[in-house]
Amino acid sequence: IEFDFTGVRIANSSFMNALISGLFEQHGSSLLSNL
């Protein structure tokens, strides 16, 4: 899975945590090779 942030000028931690943190909370470091 690729997250393409092209064109995103700014975001906040609430958005990023909701989008990304939960993935790593569920799957741990093994997810690093897939993202």
ModelCIF file with pLDDT and N, C-alpha, C, O atoms, coordinates in Angstrom:
data_MODEL
#
_entry.id   MODEL 
#
_entity.id                         1 
_entity.type                       polymer 
_entity.pdbx_number_of_molecules   1 
#
_entity_poly.entity_id                      1 
_entity_poly.type                           'polypeptide(L)' 
_entity_poly.nstd_linkage                   no 
_entity_poly.nstd_monomer                   no 
_entity_poly.pdbx_seq_one_letter_code       IEFDFTGVRIANSSFMNALISGLFEQHGSSLLSNL 
_entity_poly.pdbx_seq_one_letter_code_can   IEFDFTGVRIANSSFMNALISGLFEQHGSSLLSNL 
_entity_poly.pdbx_strand_id                 A 
#
loop_
_entity_poly_seq.entity_id 
_entity_poly_seq.num 
_entity_poly_seq.mon_id 
_entity_poly_seq.hetero 
1 1  ILE n 
1 2  GLU n 
1 3  PHE n 
1 4  ASP n 
1 5  PHE n 
1 6  THR n 
1 7  GLY n 
1 8  VAL n 
1 9  ARG n 
1 10 ILE n 
1 11 ALA n 
1 12 ASN n 
1 13 SER n 
1 14 SER n 
1 15 PHE n 
1 16 MET n 
1 17 ASN n 
1 18 ALA n 
1 19 LEU n 
1 20 ILE n 
1 21 SER n 
1 22 GLY n 
1 23 LEU n 
1 24 PHE n 
1 25 GLU n 
1 26 GLN n 
1 27 HIS n 
1 28 GLY n 
1 29 SER n 
1 30 SER n 
1 31 LEU n 
1 32 LEU n 
1 33 SER n 
1 34 ASN n 
1 35 LEU n 
#
_struct_asym.id          A 
_struct_asym.entity_id   1 
#
loop_
_ma_qa_metric.id 
_ma_qa_metric.mode 
_ma_qa_metric.name 
_ma_qa_metric.software_group_id 
_ma_qa_metric.type 
1 global pLDDT . pLDDT 
2 local  pLDDT . pLDDT 
#
_ma_qa_metric_global.metric_id      1 
_ma_qa_metric_global.metric_value   93.51 
_ma_qa_metric_global.model_id       1 
_ma_qa_metric_global.ordinal_id     1 
#
loop_
_ma_qa_metric_local.label_asym_id 
_ma_qa_metric_local.label_comp_id 
_ma_qa_metric_local.label_seq_id 
_ma_qa_metric_local.metric_id 
_ma_qa_metric_local.metric_value 
_ma_qa_metric_local.model_id 
_ma_qa_metric_local.ordinal_id 
A ILE 1  2 95.00 1 1  
A GLU 2  2 96.00 1 2  
A PHE 3  2 97.00 1 3  
A ASP 4  2 98.00 1 4  
A PHE 5  2 98.00 1 5  
A THR 6  2 98.00 1 6  
A GLY 7  2 97.00 1 7  
A VAL 8  2 97.00 1 8  
A ARG 9  2 96.00 1 9  
A ILE 10 2 95.00 1 10 
A ALA 11 2 96.00 1 11 
A ASN 12 2 95.00 1 12 
A SER 13 2 95.00 1 13 
A SER 14 2 96.00 1 14 
A PHE 15 2 97.00 1 15 
A MET 16 2 96.00 1 16 
A ASN 17 2 97.00 1 17 
A ALA 18 2 97.00 1 18 
A LEU 19 2 96.00 1 19 
A ILE 20 2 95.00 1 20 
A SER 21 2 95.00 1 21 
A GLY 22 2 91.00 1 22 
A LEU 23 2 92.00 1 23 
A PHE 24 2 93.00 1 24 
A GLU 25 2 91.00 1 25 
A GLN 26 2 88.00 1 26 
A HIS 27 2 88.00 1 27 
A GLY 28 2 85.00 1 28 
A SER 29 2 87.00 1 29 
A SER 30 2 87.00 1 30 
A LEU 31 2 89.00 1 31 
A LEU 32 2 88.00 1 32 
A SER 33 2 89.00 1 33 
A ASN 34 2 90.00 1 34 
A LEU 35 2 93.00 1 35 
#
loop_
_atom_site.group_PDB 
_atom_site.id 
_atom_site.type_symbol 
_atom_site.label_atom_id 
_atom_site.label_alt_id 
_atom_site.label_comp_id 
_atom_site.label_asym_id 
_atom_site.label_entity_id 
_atom_site.label_seq_id 
_atom_site.pdbx_PDB_ins_code 
_atom_site.Cartn_x 
_atom_site.Cartn_y 
_atom_site.Cartn_z 
_atom_site.occupancy 
_atom_site.B_iso_or_equiv 
_atom_site.pdbx_formal_charge 
_atom_site.auth_seq_id 
_atom_site.auth_comp_id 
_atom_site.auth_asym_id 
_atom_site.auth_atom_id 
_atom_site.pdbx_PDB_model_num 
ATOM 1   N N  . ILE A 1 1  ? 0.860  -1.182 0.000  1.00 95.00 ? 1  ILE A N  1 
ATOM 2   C CA . ILE A 1 1  ? 0.000  0.000  0.000  1.00 95.00 ? 1  ILE A CA 1 
ATOM 3   C C  . ILE A 1 1  ? 0.893  1.228  0.000  1.00 95.00 ? 1  ILE A C  1 
ATOM 4   O O  . ILE A 1 1  ? 1.876  1.307  0.737  1.00 95.00 ? 1  ILE A O  1 
ATOM 5   N N  . GLU A 1 2  ? 0.530  2.178  -0.839 1.00 96.00 ? 2  GLU A N  1 
ATOM 6   C CA . GLU A 1 2  ? 1.264  3.438  -0.909 1.00 96.00 ? 2  GLU A CA 1 
ATOM 7   C C  . GLU A 1 2  ? 0.317  4.579  -0.563 1.00 96.00 ? 2  GLU A C  1 
ATOM 8   O O  . GLU A 1 2  ? -0.802 4.655  -1.071 1.00 96.00 ? 2  GLU A O  1 
ATOM 9   N N  . PHE A 1 3  ? 0.785  5.458  0.307  1.00 97.00 ? 3  PHE A N  1 
ATOM 10  C CA . PHE A 1 3  ? 0.084  6.697  0.607  1.00 97.00 ? 3  PHE A CA 1 
ATOM 11  C C  . PHE A 1 3  ? 0.796  7.806  -0.155 1.00 97.00 ? 3  PHE A C  1 
ATOM 12  O O  . PHE A 1 3  ? 1.963  8.091  0.111  1.00 97.00 ? 3  PHE A O  1 
ATOM 13  N N  . ASP A 1 4  ? 0.111  8.425  -1.087 1.00 98.00 ? 4  ASP A N  1 
ATOM 14  C CA . ASP A 1 4  ? 0.696  9.498  -1.886 1.00 98.00 ? 4  ASP A CA 1 
ATOM 15  C C  . ASP A 1 4  ? 0.195  10.834 -1.336 1.00 98.00 ? 4  ASP A C  1 
ATOM 16  O O  . ASP A 1 4  ? -0.983 11.171 -1.460 1.00 98.00 ? 4  ASP A O  1 
ATOM 17  N N  . PHE A 1 5  ? 1.104  11.579 -0.732 1.00 98.00 ? 5  PHE A N  1 
ATOM 18  C CA . PHE A 1 5  ? 0.777  12.865 -0.124 1.00 98.00 ? 5  PHE A CA 1 
ATOM 19  C C  . PHE A 1 5  ? 1.084  14.039 -1.052 1.00 98.00 ? 5  PHE A C  1 
ATOM 20  O O  . PHE A 1 5  ? 1.113  15.186 -0.605 1.00 98.00 ? 5  PHE A O  1 
ATOM 21  N N  . THR A 1 6  ? 1.309  13.771 -2.318 1.00 98.00 ? 6  THR A N  1 
ATOM 22  C CA . THR A 1 6  ? 1.558  14.846 -3.276 1.00 98.00 ? 6  THR A CA 1 
ATOM 23  C C  . THR A 1 6  ? 0.393  15.836 -3.245 1.00 98.00 ? 6  THR A C  1 
ATOM 24  O O  . THR A 1 6  ? -0.769 15.446 -3.361 1.00 98.00 ? 6  THR A O  1 
ATOM 25  N N  . GLY A 1 7  ? 0.714  17.105 -3.089 1.00 97.00 ? 7  GLY A N  1 
ATOM 26  C CA . GLY A 1 7  ? -0.306 18.141 -3.048 1.00 97.00 ? 7  GLY A CA 1 
ATOM 27  C C  . GLY A 1 7  ? -0.814 18.470 -1.662 1.00 97.00 ? 7  GLY A C  1 
ATOM 28  O O  . GLY A 1 7  ? -1.481 19.489 -1.480 1.00 97.00 ? 7  GLY A O  1 
ATOM 29  N N  . VAL A 1 8  ? -0.514 17.632 -0.675 1.00 97.00 ? 8  VAL A N  1 
ATOM 30  C CA . VAL A 1 8  ? -0.927 17.924 0.702  1.00 97.00 ? 8  VAL A CA 1 
ATOM 31  C C  . VAL A 1 8  ? 0.067  18.918 1.280  1.00 97.00 ? 8  VAL A C  1 
ATOM 32  O O  . VAL A 1 8  ? 1.258  18.627 1.394  1.00 97.00 ? 8  VAL A O  1 
ATOM 33  N N  . ARG A 1 9  ? -0.433 20.093 1.644  1.00 96.00 ? 9  ARG A N  1 
ATOM 34  C CA . ARG A 1 9  ? 0.435  21.157 2.145  1.00 96.00 ? 9  ARG A CA 1 
ATOM 35  C C  . ARG A 1 9  ? 0.606  21.096 3.652  1.00 96.00 ? 9  ARG A C  1 
ATOM 36  O O  . ARG A 1 9  ? 1.675  21.404 4.181  1.00 96.00 ? 9  ARG A O  1 
ATOM 37  N N  . ILE A 1 10 ? -0.451 20.697 4.336  1.00 95.00 ? 10 ILE A N  1 
ATOM 38  C CA . ILE A 1 10 ? -0.424 20.642 5.792  1.00 95.00 ? 10 ILE A CA 1 
ATOM 39  C C  . ILE A 1 10 ? -1.478 19.642 6.251  1.00 95.00 ? 10 ILE A C  1 
ATOM 40  O O  . ILE A 1 10 ? -2.469 19.409 5.558  1.00 95.00 ? 10 ILE A O  1 
ATOM 41  N N  . ALA A 1 11 ? -1.262 19.066 7.399  1.00 96.00 ? 11 ALA A N  1 
ATOM 42  C CA . ALA A 1 11 ? -2.233 18.161 8.020  1.00 96.00 ? 11 ALA A CA 1 
ATOM 43  C C  . ALA A 1 11 ? -2.058 18.320 9.524  1.00 96.00 ? 11 ALA A C  1 
ATOM 44  O O  . ALA A 1 11 ? -1.164 19.035 9.978  1.00 96.00 ? 11 ALA A O  1 
ATOM 45  N N  . ASN A 1 12 ? -2.902 17.661 10.287 1.00 95.00 ? 12 ASN A N  1 
ATOM 46  C CA . ASN A 1 12 ? -2.699 17.718 11.734 1.00 95.00 ? 12 ASN A CA 1 
ATOM 47  C C  . ASN A 1 12 ? -2.509 16.310 12.288 1.00 95.00 ? 12 ASN A C  1 
ATOM 48  O O  . ASN A 1 12 ? -2.736 15.318 11.597 1.00 95.00 ? 12 ASN A O  1 
ATOM 49  N N  . SER A 1 13 ? -2.093 16.246 13.536 1.00 95.00 ? 13 SER A N  1 
ATOM 50  C CA . SER A 1 13 ? -1.791 14.950 14.140 1.00 95.00 ? 13 SER A CA 1 
ATOM 51  C C  . SER A 1 13 ? -3.049 14.105 14.316 1.00 95.00 ? 13 SER A C  1 
ATOM 52  O O  . SER A 1 13 ? -2.972 12.878 14.250 1.00 95.00 ? 13 SER A O  1 
ATOM 53  N N  . SER A 1 14 ? -4.183 14.718 14.534 1.00 96.00 ? 14 SER A N  1 
ATOM 54  C CA . SER A 1 14 ? -5.436 13.967 14.660 1.00 96.00 ? 14 SER A CA 1 
ATOM 55  C C  . SER A 1 14 ? -5.709 13.171 13.389 1.00 96.00 ? 14 SER A C  1 
ATOM 56  O O  . SER A 1 14 ? -6.052 11.990 13.450 1.00 96.00 ? 14 SER A O  1 
ATOM 57  N N  . PHE A 1 15 ? -5.557 13.818 12.244 1.00 97.00 ? 15 PHE A N  1 
ATOM 58  C CA . PHE A 1 15 ? -5.764 13.152 10.965 1.00 97.00 ? 15 PHE A CA 1 
ATOM 59  C C  . PHE A 1 15 ? -4.751 12.027 10.765 1.00 97.00 ? 15 PHE A C  1 
ATOM 60  O O  . PHE A 1 15 ? -5.127 10.899 10.447 1.00 97.00 ? 15 PHE A O  1 
ATOM 61  N N  . MET A 1 16 ? -3.477 12.329 10.950 1.00 96.00 ? 16 MET A N  1 
ATOM 62  C CA . MET A 1 16 ? -2.415 11.349 10.710 1.00 96.00 ? 16 MET A CA 1 
ATOM 63  C C  . MET A 1 16 ? -2.516 10.161 11.661 1.00 96.00 ? 16 MET A C  1 
ATOM 64  O O  . MET A 1 16 ? -2.339 9.014  11.251 1.00 96.00 ? 16 MET A O  1 
ATOM 65  N N  . ASN A 1 17 ? -2.801 10.442 12.932 1.00 97.00 ? 17 ASN A N  1 
ATOM 66  C CA . ASN A 1 17 ? -2.921 9.343  13.882 1.00 97.00 ? 17 ASN A CA 1 
ATOM 67  C C  . ASN A 1 17 ? -4.088 8.435  13.516 1.00 97.00 ? 17 ASN A C  1 
ATOM 68  O O  . ASN A 1 17 ? -3.966 7.212  13.583 1.00 97.00 ? 17 ASN A O  1 
ATOM 69  N N  . ALA A 1 18 ? -5.214 9.023  13.130 1.00 97.00 ? 18 ALA A N  1 
ATOM 70  C CA . ALA A 1 18 ? -6.372 8.215  12.761 1.00 97.00 ? 18 ALA A CA 1 
ATOM 71  C C  . ALA A 1 18 ? -6.118 7.396  11.502 1.00 97.00 ? 18 ALA A C  1 
ATOM 72  O O  . ALA A 1 18 ? -6.599 6.269  11.383 1.00 97.00 ? 18 ALA A O  1 
ATOM 73  N N  . LEU A 1 19 ? -5.370 7.956  10.573 1.00 96.00 ? 19 LEU A N  1 
ATOM 74  C CA . LEU A 1 19 ? -5.094 7.267  9.316  1.00 96.00 ? 19 LEU A CA 1 
ATOM 75  C C  . LEU A 1 19 ? -4.010 6.206  9.454  1.00 96.00 ? 19 LEU A C  1 
ATOM 76  O O  . LEU A 1 19 ? -4.107 5.142  8.844  1.00 96.00 ? 19 LEU A O  1 
ATOM 77  N N  . ILE A 1 20 ? -2.975 6.482  10.250 1.00 95.00 ? 20 ILE A N  1 
ATOM 78  C CA . ILE A 1 20 ? -1.777 5.647  10.241 1.00 95.00 ? 20 ILE A CA 1 
ATOM 79  C C  . ILE A 1 20 ? -1.516 4.897  11.550 1.00 95.00 ? 20 ILE A C  1 
ATOM 80  O O  . ILE A 1 20 ? -1.166 3.718  11.515 1.00 95.00 ? 20 ILE A O  1 
ATOM 81  N N  . SER A 1 21 ? -1.677 5.548  12.693 1.00 95.00 ? 21 SER A N  1 
ATOM 82  C CA . SER A 1 21 ? -1.305 4.916  13.972 1.00 95.00 ? 21 SER A CA 1 
ATOM 83  C C  . SER A 1 21 ? -2.012 3.597  14.206 1.00 95.00 ? 21 SER A C  1 
ATOM 84  O O  . SER A 1 21 ? -1.398 2.620  14.634 1.00 95.00 ? 21 SER A O  1 
ATOM 85  N N  . GLY A 1 22 ? -3.299 3.572  13.926 1.00 91.00 ? 22 GLY A N  1 
ATOM 86  C CA . GLY A 1 22 ? -4.070 2.353  14.171 1.00 91.00 ? 22 GLY A CA 1 
ATOM 87  C C  . GLY A 1 22 ? -3.569 1.159  13.384 1.00 91.00 ? 22 GLY A C  1 
ATOM 88  O O  . GLY A 1 22 ? -3.651 0.022  13.848 1.00 91.00 ? 22 GLY A O  1 
ATOM 89  N N  . LEU A 1 23 ? -3.048 1.416  12.189 1.00 92.00 ? 23 LEU A N  1 
ATOM 90  C CA . LEU A 1 23 ? -2.494 0.329  11.381 1.00 92.00 ? 23 LEU A CA 1 
ATOM 91  C C  . LEU A 1 23 ? -1.314 -0.323 12.093 1.00 92.00 ? 23 LEU A C  1 
ATOM 92  O O  . LEU A 1 23 ? -1.206 -1.548 12.145 1.00 92.00 ? 23 LEU A O  1 
ATOM 93  N N  . PHE A 1 24 ? -0.432 0.512  12.642 1.00 93.00 ? 24 PHE A N  1 
ATOM 94  C CA . PHE A 1 24 ? 0.744  -0.008 13.326 1.00 93.00 ? 24 PHE A CA 1 
ATOM 95  C C  . PHE A 1 24 ? 0.393  -0.560 14.704 1.00 93.00 ? 24 PHE A C  1 
ATOM 96  O O  . PHE A 1 24 ? 1.049  -1.478 15.195 1.00 93.00 ? 24 PHE A O  1 
ATOM 97  N N  . GLU A 1 25 ? -0.636 -0.002 15.323 1.00 91.00 ? 25 GLU A N  1 
ATOM 98  C CA . GLU A 1 25 ? -1.094 -0.559 16.600 1.00 91.00 ? 25 GLU A CA 1 
ATOM 99  C C  . GLU A 1 25 ? -1.588 -1.992 16.399 1.00 91.00 ? 25 GLU A C  1 
ATOM 100 O O  . GLU A 1 25 ? -1.343 -2.856 17.241 1.00 91.00 ? 25 GLU A O  1 
ATOM 101 N N  . GLN A 1 26 ? -2.269 -2.241 15.310 1.00 88.00 ? 26 GLN A N  1 
ATOM 102 C CA . GLN A 1 26 ? -2.802 -3.572 15.029 1.00 88.00 ? 26 GLN A CA 1 
ATOM 103 C C  . GLN A 1 26 ? -1.738 -4.539 14.527 1.00 88.00 ? 26 GLN A C  1 
ATOM 104 O O  . GLN A 1 26 ? -1.731 -5.705 14.920 1.00 88.00 ? 26 GLN A O  1 
ATOM 105 N N  . HIS A 1 27 ? -0.838 -4.072 13.664 1.00 88.00 ? 27 HIS A N  1 
ATOM 106 C CA . HIS A 1 27 ? 0.055  -4.984 12.947 1.00 88.00 ? 27 HIS A CA 1 
ATOM 107 C C  . HIS A 1 27 ? 1.522  -4.891 13.350 1.00 88.00 ? 27 HIS A C  1 
ATOM 108 O O  . HIS A 1 27 ? 2.299  -5.783 13.011 1.00 88.00 ? 27 HIS A O  1 
ATOM 109 N N  . GLY A 1 28 ? 1.920  -3.857 14.052 1.00 85.00 ? 28 GLY A N  1 
ATOM 110 C CA . GLY A 1 28 ? 3.305  -3.733 14.489 1.00 85.00 ? 28 GLY A CA 1 
ATOM 111 C C  . GLY A 1 28 ? 4.280  -3.436 13.363 1.00 85.00 ? 28 GLY A C  1 
ATOM 112 O O  . GLY A 1 28 ? 3.888  -2.994 12.283 1.00 85.00 ? 28 GLY A O  1 
ATOM 113 N N  . SER A 1 29 ? 5.542  -3.684 13.629 1.00 87.00 ? 29 SER A N  1 
ATOM 114 C CA . SER A 1 29 ? 6.609  -3.309 12.700 1.00 87.00 ? 29 SER A CA 1 
ATOM 115 C C  . SER A 1 29 ? 6.592  -4.108 11.401 1.00 87.00 ? 29 SER A C  1 
ATOM 116 O O  . SER A 1 29 ? 7.192  -3.682 10.414 1.00 87.00 ? 29 SER A O  1 
ATOM 117 N N  . SER A 1 30 ? 5.927  -5.241 11.381 1.00 87.00 ? 30 SER A N  1 
ATOM 118 C CA . SER A 1 30 ? 5.864  -6.033 10.145 1.00 87.00 ? 30 SER A CA 1 
ATOM 119 C C  . SER A 1 30 ? 5.192  -5.253 9.017  1.00 87.00 ? 30 SER A C  1 
ATOM 120 O O  . SER A 1 30 ? 5.418  -5.538 7.840  1.00 87.00 ? 30 SER A O  1 
ATOM 121 N N  . LEU A 1 31 ? 4.386  -4.291 9.369  1.00 89.00 ? 31 LEU A N  1 
ATOM 122 C CA . LEU A 1 31 ? 3.686  -3.484 8.368  1.00 89.00 ? 31 LEU A CA 1 
ATOM 123 C C  . LEU A 1 31 ? 4.633  -2.569 7.600  1.00 89.00 ? 31 LEU A C  1 
ATOM 124 O O  . LEU A 1 31 ? 4.310  -2.143 6.491  1.00 89.00 ? 31 LEU A O  1 
ATOM 125 N N  . LEU A 1 32 ? 5.789  -2.262 8.168  1.00 88.00 ? 32 LEU A N  1 
ATOM 126 C CA . LEU A 1 32 ? 6.737  -1.359 7.513  1.00 88.00 ? 32 LEU A CA 1 
ATOM 127 C C  . LEU A 1 32 ? 7.155  -1.843 6.132  1.00 88.00 ? 32 LEU A C  1 
ATOM 128 O O  . LEU A 1 32 ? 7.429  -1.030 5.250  1.00 88.00 ? 32 LEU A O  1 
ATOM 129 N N  . SER A 1 33 ? 7.207  -3.131 5.937  1.00 89.00 ? 33 SER A N  1 
ATOM 130 C CA . SER A 1 33 ? 7.617  -3.653 4.634  1.00 89.00 ? 33 SER A CA 1 
ATOM 131 C C  . SER A 1 33 ? 6.493  -3.591 3.596  1.00 89.00 ? 33 SER A C  1 
ATOM 132 O O  . SER A 1 33 ? 6.742  -3.788 2.407  1.00 89.00 ? 33 SER A O  1 
ATOM 133 N N  . ASN A 1 34 ? 5.264  -3.320 4.034  1.00 90.00 ? 34 ASN A N  1 
ATOM 134 C CA . ASN A 1 34 ? 4.123  -3.289 3.122  1.00 90.00 ? 34 ASN A CA 1 
ATOM 135 C C  . ASN A 1 34 ? 3.641  -1.881 2.796  1.00 90.00 ? 34 ASN A C  1 
ATOM 136 O O  . ASN A 1 34 ? 2.873  -1.699 1.851  1.00 90.00 ? 34 ASN A O  1 
ATOM 137 N N  . LEU A 1 35 ? 4.071  -0.895 3.550  1.00 93.00 ? 35 LEU A N  1 
ATOM 138 C CA . LEU A 1 35 ? 3.601  0.478  3.353  1.00 93.00 ? 35 LEU A CA 1 
ATOM 139 C C  . LEU A 1 35 ? 4.717  1.356  2.809  1.00 93.00 ? 35 LEU A C  1 
ATOM 140 O O  . LEU A 1 35 ? 4.509  2.548  2.579  1.00 93.00 ? 35 LEU A O  1 
#
